[in-house]
Amino acid sequence: MDLKLVPLYFFVGGTIVTLVTYVGSQANKGPLAAFIAFFPALTVVTLCTVYWSGGSESAMSYAKSMVYLLPAWMLYIGAVIYLMPRLGLWPPLVIGIVLYTVASYLTVRIMHLK
């Protein structure tokens, strides 16, 4: 990893978190906050740095893996959406992260069996 790029990662990540927190904390701004959170700025930066460090094959592997792990992320966010009104904030986050981790592990294992 090129350490000269760490400030860029910090800036992009911090900017996204700050914007999402600011916009998301305002009533009826959830869709805009979600748009900002999903805006592919971080993906663009990471794809570029993976490409520059490892070439096209590494960048394609990274991009494909993001698609393969999308169902695990959907399981995570589904659990959070379903459980948050019933259990508050922390239990759904923990349960969702556990579900994401298990589903991601199983997905990666299945991908390597092929």
N, C-alpha and C. Protein backbone atom coordinates (compact mmCIF):
# COMPACT_ATOMS: atom_id res chain seq x y z
N MET A 1 0.84 -1.18 0.00
CA MET A 1 0.00 0.00 0.00
C MET A 1 0.88 1.23 0.00
N ASP A 2 0.52 2.18 -0.83
CA ASP A 2 1.25 3.43 -0.92
C ASP A 2 0.81 4.35 0.21
N LEU A 3 1.69 4.60 1.15
CA LEU A 3 1.35 5.42 2.32
C LEU A 3 1.03 6.86 1.96
N LYS A 4 1.45 7.31 0.79
CA LYS A 4 1.12 8.68 0.37
C LYS A 4 -0.38 8.83 0.12
N LEU A 5 -1.07 7.72 -0.12
CA LEU A 5 -2.50 7.77 -0.40
C LEU A 5 -3.37 7.72 0.86
N VAL A 6 -2.79 7.42 2.01
CA VAL A 6 -3.55 7.32 3.25
C VAL A 6 -4.32 8.61 3.56
N PRO A 7 -3.72 9.79 3.39
CA PRO A 7 -4.51 11.01 3.63
C PRO A 7 -5.73 11.11 2.71
N LEU A 8 -5.60 10.66 1.47
CA LEU A 8 -6.74 10.67 0.55
C LEU A 8 -7.85 9.75 1.05
N TYR A 9 -7.48 8.54 1.49
CA TYR A 9 -8.47 7.61 2.05
C TYR A 9 -9.18 8.24 3.25
N PHE A 10 -8.39 8.85 4.12
CA PHE A 10 -8.92 9.48 5.32
C PHE A 10 -9.88 10.61 4.95
N PHE A 11 -9.49 11.44 4.00
CA PHE A 11 -10.32 12.57 3.58
C PHE A 11 -11.63 12.10 2.96
N VAL A 12 -11.56 11.16 2.02
CA VAL A 12 -12.78 10.69 1.35
C VAL A 12 -13.70 10.00 2.36
N GLY A 13 -13.15 9.09 3.16
CA GLY A 13 -13.97 8.38 4.14
C GLY A 13 -14.58 9.32 5.16
N GLY A 14 -13.80 10.25 5.68
CA GLY A 14 -14.29 11.20 6.67
C GLY A 14 -15.35 12.12 6.09
N THR A 15 -15.16 12.55 4.85
CA THR A 15 -16.15 13.40 4.20
C THR A 15 -17.48 12.68 4.05
N ILE A 16 -17.43 11.43 3.62
CA ILE A 16 -18.66 10.67 3.43
C ILE A 16 -19.38 10.47 4.75
N VAL A 17 -18.66 10.06 5.79
CA VAL A 17 -19.29 9.85 7.10
C VAL A 17 -19.89 11.15 7.63
N THR A 18 -19.17 12.25 7.48
CA THR A 18 -19.67 13.54 7.95
C THR A 18 -20.93 13.95 7.22
N LEU A 19 -20.94 13.84 5.90
CA LEU A 19 -22.12 14.22 5.12
C LEU A 19 -23.32 13.34 5.45
N VAL A 20 -23.09 12.03 5.55
CA VAL A 20 -24.20 11.12 5.86
C VAL A 20 -24.76 11.43 7.23
N THR A 21 -23.91 11.67 8.21
CA THR A 21 -24.37 11.96 9.56
C THR A 21 -25.15 13.28 9.60
N TYR A 22 -24.62 14.29 8.95
CA TYR A 22 -25.29 15.60 8.94
C TYR A 22 -26.65 15.52 8.26
N VAL A 23 -26.68 14.97 7.05
CA VAL A 23 -27.93 14.91 6.29
C VAL A 23 -28.90 13.92 6.93
N GLY A 24 -28.40 12.76 7.36
CA GLY A 24 -29.26 11.74 7.94
C GLY A 24 -29.91 12.15 9.25
N SER A 25 -29.30 13.09 9.97
CA SER A 25 -29.85 13.52 11.25
C SER A 25 -31.01 14.50 11.09
N GLN A 26 -31.23 14.97 9.89
CA GLN A 26 -32.34 15.89 9.62
C GLN A 26 -33.56 15.08 9.20
N ALA A 27 -34.72 15.49 9.69
CA ALA A 27 -35.97 14.78 9.40
C ALA A 27 -36.21 14.72 7.89
N ASN A 28 -36.68 13.57 7.43
CA ASN A 28 -37.06 13.34 6.03
C ASN A 28 -35.89 13.46 5.05
N LYS A 29 -34.67 13.29 5.50
CA LYS A 29 -33.51 13.36 4.61
C LYS A 29 -32.85 11.99 4.44
N GLY A 30 -33.54 10.93 4.87
CA GLY A 30 -32.98 9.58 4.76
C GLY A 30 -32.55 9.19 3.36
N PRO A 31 -33.39 9.42 2.34
CA PRO A 31 -32.97 9.05 0.98
C PRO A 31 -31.72 9.80 0.52
N LEU A 32 -31.60 11.07 0.85
CA LEU A 32 -30.41 11.82 0.46
C LEU A 32 -29.18 11.30 1.20
N ALA A 33 -29.33 11.00 2.48
CA ALA A 33 -28.22 10.43 3.25
C ALA A 33 -27.80 9.09 2.67
N ALA A 34 -28.77 8.26 2.28
CA ALA A 34 -28.45 6.96 1.67
C ALA A 34 -27.73 7.16 0.34
N PHE A 35 -28.17 8.14 -0.45
CA PHE A 35 -27.50 8.43 -1.72
C PHE A 35 -26.04 8.81 -1.48
N ILE A 36 -25.80 9.65 -0.50
CA ILE A 36 -24.43 10.07 -0.20
C ILE A 36 -23.61 8.87 0.28
N ALA A 37 -24.20 8.04 1.13
CA ALA A 37 -23.48 6.88 1.65
C ALA A 37 -23.12 5.90 0.54
N PHE A 38 -24.02 5.75 -0.42
CA PHE A 38 -23.78 4.80 -1.50
C PHE A 38 -23.04 5.41 -2.70
N PHE A 39 -22.83 6.72 -2.67
CA PHE A 39 -22.13 7.34 -3.79
C PHE A 39 -20.76 6.65 -3.93
N PRO A 40 -20.38 6.26 -5.12
CA PRO A 40 -19.21 5.39 -5.27
C PRO A 40 -17.84 6.07 -5.16
N ALA A 41 -17.76 7.19 -4.48
CA ALA A 41 -16.46 7.87 -4.36
C ALA A 41 -15.41 6.96 -3.72
N LEU A 42 -15.79 6.29 -2.63
CA LEU A 42 -14.84 5.41 -1.96
C LEU A 42 -14.48 4.22 -2.83
N THR A 43 -15.46 3.69 -3.55
CA THR A 43 -15.20 2.58 -4.46
C THR A 43 -14.27 3.01 -5.59
N VAL A 44 -14.48 4.21 -6.12
CA VAL A 44 -13.61 4.72 -7.19
C VAL A 44 -12.18 4.82 -6.69
N VAL A 45 -12.01 5.39 -5.50
CA VAL A 45 -10.66 5.53 -4.95
C VAL A 45 -10.02 4.16 -4.73
N THR A 46 -10.76 3.22 -4.14
CA THR A 46 -10.16 1.91 -3.88
C THR A 46 -9.92 1.13 -5.17
N LEU A 47 -10.83 1.22 -6.13
CA LEU A 47 -10.58 0.54 -7.41
C LEU A 47 -9.34 1.10 -8.09
N CYS A 48 -9.19 2.41 -8.06
CA CYS A 48 -7.99 3.02 -8.66
C CYS A 48 -6.72 2.56 -7.96
N THR A 49 -6.72 2.58 -6.64
CA THR A 49 -5.50 2.20 -5.93
C THR A 49 -5.20 0.71 -6.08
N VAL A 50 -6.24 -0.13 -6.09
CA VAL A 50 -6.02 -1.56 -6.32
C VAL A 50 -5.47 -1.77 -7.74
N TYR A 51 -6.04 -1.05 -8.69
CA TYR A 51 -5.58 -1.16 -10.08
C TYR A 51 -4.12 -0.72 -10.20
N TRP A 52 -3.78 0.41 -9.59
CA TRP A 52 -2.41 0.91 -9.68
C TRP A 52 -1.43 0.01 -8.95
N SER A 53 -1.89 -0.63 -7.87
CA SER A 53 -1.00 -1.51 -7.10
C SER A 53 -0.90 -2.91 -7.70
N GLY A 54 -2.02 -3.43 -8.22
CA GLY A 54 -2.02 -4.83 -8.65
C GLY A 54 -2.45 -5.08 -10.08
N GLY A 55 -2.87 -4.03 -10.78
CA GLY A 55 -3.24 -4.20 -12.18
C GLY A 55 -4.72 -4.53 -12.36
N SER A 56 -5.06 -4.76 -13.62
CA SER A 56 -6.44 -4.98 -14.01
C SER A 56 -7.05 -6.22 -13.36
N GLU A 57 -6.30 -7.29 -13.29
CA GLU A 57 -6.82 -8.54 -12.72
C GLU A 57 -7.21 -8.36 -11.25
N SER A 58 -6.38 -7.67 -10.49
CA SER A 58 -6.68 -7.42 -9.08
C SER A 58 -7.91 -6.53 -8.92
N ALA A 59 -8.01 -5.49 -9.75
CA ALA A 59 -9.14 -4.58 -9.67
C ALA A 59 -10.44 -5.30 -10.06
N MET A 60 -10.39 -6.15 -11.06
CA MET A 60 -11.58 -6.90 -11.46
C MET A 60 -11.99 -7.88 -10.36
N SER A 61 -11.03 -8.53 -9.74
CA SER A 61 -11.32 -9.45 -8.64
C SER A 61 -12.01 -8.71 -7.49
N TYR A 62 -11.50 -7.53 -7.17
CA TYR A 62 -12.08 -6.71 -6.11
C TYR A 62 -13.53 -6.32 -6.46
N ALA A 63 -13.75 -5.85 -7.69
CA ALA A 63 -15.08 -5.42 -8.11
C ALA A 63 -16.06 -6.59 -8.11
N LYS A 64 -15.64 -7.73 -8.63
CA LYS A 64 -16.52 -8.90 -8.65
C LYS A 64 -16.84 -9.36 -7.23
N SER A 65 -15.87 -9.32 -6.36
CA SER A 65 -16.09 -9.74 -4.97
C SER A 65 -17.11 -8.84 -4.28
N MET A 66 -17.11 -7.55 -4.62
CA MET A 66 -18.11 -6.65 -4.05
C MET A 66 -19.51 -7.09 -4.46
N VAL A 67 -19.67 -7.50 -5.71
CA VAL A 67 -20.97 -7.96 -6.19
C VAL A 67 -21.36 -9.27 -5.51
N TYR A 68 -20.40 -10.19 -5.37
CA TYR A 68 -20.68 -11.47 -4.73
C TYR A 68 -21.12 -11.30 -3.28
N LEU A 69 -20.58 -10.28 -2.60
CA LEU A 69 -20.91 -10.08 -1.18
C LEU A 69 -22.12 -9.18 -0.97
N LEU A 70 -22.72 -8.70 -2.04
CA LEU A 70 -23.91 -7.87 -1.92
C LEU A 70 -25.07 -8.58 -1.20
N PRO A 71 -25.34 -9.86 -1.47
CA PRO A 71 -26.40 -10.54 -0.70
C PRO A 71 -26.13 -10.57 0.80
N ALA A 72 -24.88 -10.74 1.20
CA ALA A 72 -24.54 -10.72 2.63
C ALA A 72 -24.84 -9.34 3.22
N TRP A 73 -24.54 -8.28 2.47
CA TRP A 73 -24.84 -6.94 2.95
C TRP A 73 -26.35 -6.73 3.04
N MET A 74 -27.11 -7.27 2.08
CA MET A 74 -28.57 -7.15 2.11
C MET A 74 -29.13 -7.86 3.34
N LEU A 75 -28.55 -8.98 3.69
CA LEU A 75 -28.96 -9.70 4.91
C LEU A 75 -28.71 -8.83 6.14
N TYR A 76 -27.54 -8.22 6.19
CA TYR A 76 -27.18 -7.32 7.30
C TYR A 76 -28.20 -6.18 7.42
N ILE A 77 -28.42 -5.44 6.33
CA ILE A 77 -29.28 -4.27 6.43
C ILE A 77 -30.73 -4.67 6.64
N GLY A 78 -31.14 -5.82 6.10
CA GLY A 78 -32.48 -6.33 6.35
C GLY A 78 -32.71 -6.62 7.82
N ALA A 79 -31.72 -7.24 8.45
CA ALA A 79 -31.81 -7.54 9.89
C ALA A 79 -31.89 -6.25 10.70
N VAL A 80 -31.09 -5.26 10.34
CA VAL A 80 -31.10 -3.99 11.06
C VAL A 80 -32.46 -3.30 10.91
N ILE A 81 -32.96 -3.26 9.69
CA ILE A 81 -34.26 -2.60 9.46
C ILE A 81 -35.38 -3.31 10.21
N TYR A 82 -35.37 -4.63 10.19
CA TYR A 82 -36.43 -5.40 10.86
C TYR A 82 -36.33 -5.31 12.38
N LEU A 83 -35.11 -5.40 12.92
CA LEU A 83 -34.94 -5.51 14.37
C LEU A 83 -34.85 -4.17 15.11
N MET A 84 -34.45 -3.11 14.44
CA MET A 84 -34.25 -1.84 15.15
C MET A 84 -35.51 -1.33 15.85
N PRO A 85 -36.68 -1.38 15.22
CA PRO A 85 -37.87 -0.91 15.95
C PRO A 85 -38.22 -1.79 17.16
N ARG A 86 -37.75 -3.02 17.15
CA ARG A 86 -38.08 -3.96 18.22
C ARG A 86 -37.04 -3.99 19.34
N LEU A 87 -35.75 -3.77 18.98
CA LEU A 87 -34.67 -3.96 19.96
C LEU A 87 -33.80 -2.73 20.19
N GLY A 88 -34.06 -1.63 19.51
CA GLY A 88 -33.19 -0.46 19.65
C GLY A 88 -32.05 -0.52 18.65
N LEU A 89 -30.95 0.17 18.94
CA LEU A 89 -29.85 0.30 17.98
C LEU A 89 -28.83 -0.83 18.04
N TRP A 90 -28.24 -1.07 19.21
CA TRP A 90 -27.07 -1.93 19.29
C TRP A 90 -27.33 -3.41 19.00
N PRO A 91 -28.34 -4.03 19.56
CA PRO A 91 -28.55 -5.44 19.23
C PRO A 91 -28.73 -5.72 17.73
N PRO A 92 -29.54 -4.91 17.01
CA PRO A 92 -29.65 -5.16 15.57
C PRO A 92 -28.33 -4.98 14.82
N LEU A 93 -27.52 -4.00 15.23
CA LEU A 93 -26.23 -3.81 14.57
C LEU A 93 -25.33 -5.02 14.79
N VAL A 94 -25.28 -5.51 16.02
CA VAL A 94 -24.44 -6.67 16.31
C VAL A 94 -24.94 -7.90 15.56
N ILE A 95 -26.24 -8.13 15.62
CA ILE A 95 -26.83 -9.28 14.92
C ILE A 95 -26.58 -9.16 13.42
N GLY A 96 -26.78 -7.97 12.87
CA GLY A 96 -26.56 -7.76 11.44
C GLY A 96 -25.12 -8.00 11.04
N ILE A 97 -24.18 -7.52 11.86
CA ILE A 97 -22.76 -7.73 11.55
C ILE A 97 -22.41 -9.21 11.63
N VAL A 98 -22.95 -9.92 12.62
CA VAL A 98 -22.70 -11.36 12.71
C VAL A 98 -23.26 -12.07 11.47
N LEU A 99 -24.49 -11.72 11.09
CA LEU A 99 -25.08 -12.32 9.89
C LEU A 99 -24.25 -12.01 8.65
N TYR A 100 -23.80 -10.77 8.52
CA TYR A 100 -22.97 -10.37 7.38
C TYR A 100 -21.67 -11.17 7.35
N THR A 101 -21.05 -11.29 8.51
CA THR A 101 -19.77 -12.00 8.58
C THR A 101 -19.93 -13.47 8.21
N VAL A 102 -20.94 -14.12 8.76
CA VAL A 102 -21.19 -15.54 8.46
C VAL A 102 -21.54 -15.72 6.99
N ALA A 103 -22.44 -14.89 6.48
CA ALA A 103 -22.84 -15.00 5.07
C ALA A 103 -21.67 -14.71 4.14
N SER A 104 -20.84 -13.74 4.49
CA SER A 104 -19.66 -13.44 3.67
C SER A 104 -18.68 -14.59 3.68
N TYR A 105 -18.44 -15.16 4.86
CA TYR A 105 -17.53 -16.31 4.98
C TYR A 105 -18.03 -17.46 4.11
N LEU A 106 -19.32 -17.77 4.22
CA LEU A 106 -19.88 -18.86 3.43
C LEU A 106 -19.80 -18.57 1.93
N THR A 107 -20.05 -17.34 1.55
CA THR A 107 -19.96 -16.95 0.14
C THR A 107 -18.55 -17.14 -0.38
N VAL A 108 -17.58 -16.69 0.38
CA VAL A 108 -16.18 -16.82 -0.04
C VAL A 108 -15.79 -18.30 -0.12
N ARG A 109 -16.23 -19.09 0.84
CA ARG A 109 -15.94 -20.54 0.81
C ARG A 109 -16.55 -21.18 -0.43
N ILE A 110 -17.78 -20.83 -0.75
CA ILE A 110 -18.44 -21.39 -1.93
C ILE A 110 -17.73 -20.94 -3.19
N MET A 111 -17.32 -19.68 -3.23
CA MET A 111 -16.61 -19.17 -4.42
C MET A 111 -15.30 -19.93 -4.65
N HIS A 112 -14.63 -20.31 -3.58
CA HIS A 112 -13.35 -21.01 -3.72
C HIS A 112 -13.51 -22.48 -4.05
N LEU A 113 -14.73 -23.01 -3.87
CA LEU A 113 -14.99 -24.40 -4.22
C LEU A 113 -15.16 -24.58 -5.72
N LYS A 114 -15.50 -23.51 -6.40
CA LYS A 114 -15.73 -23.61 -7.85
C LYS A 114 -14.45 -23.68 -8.63
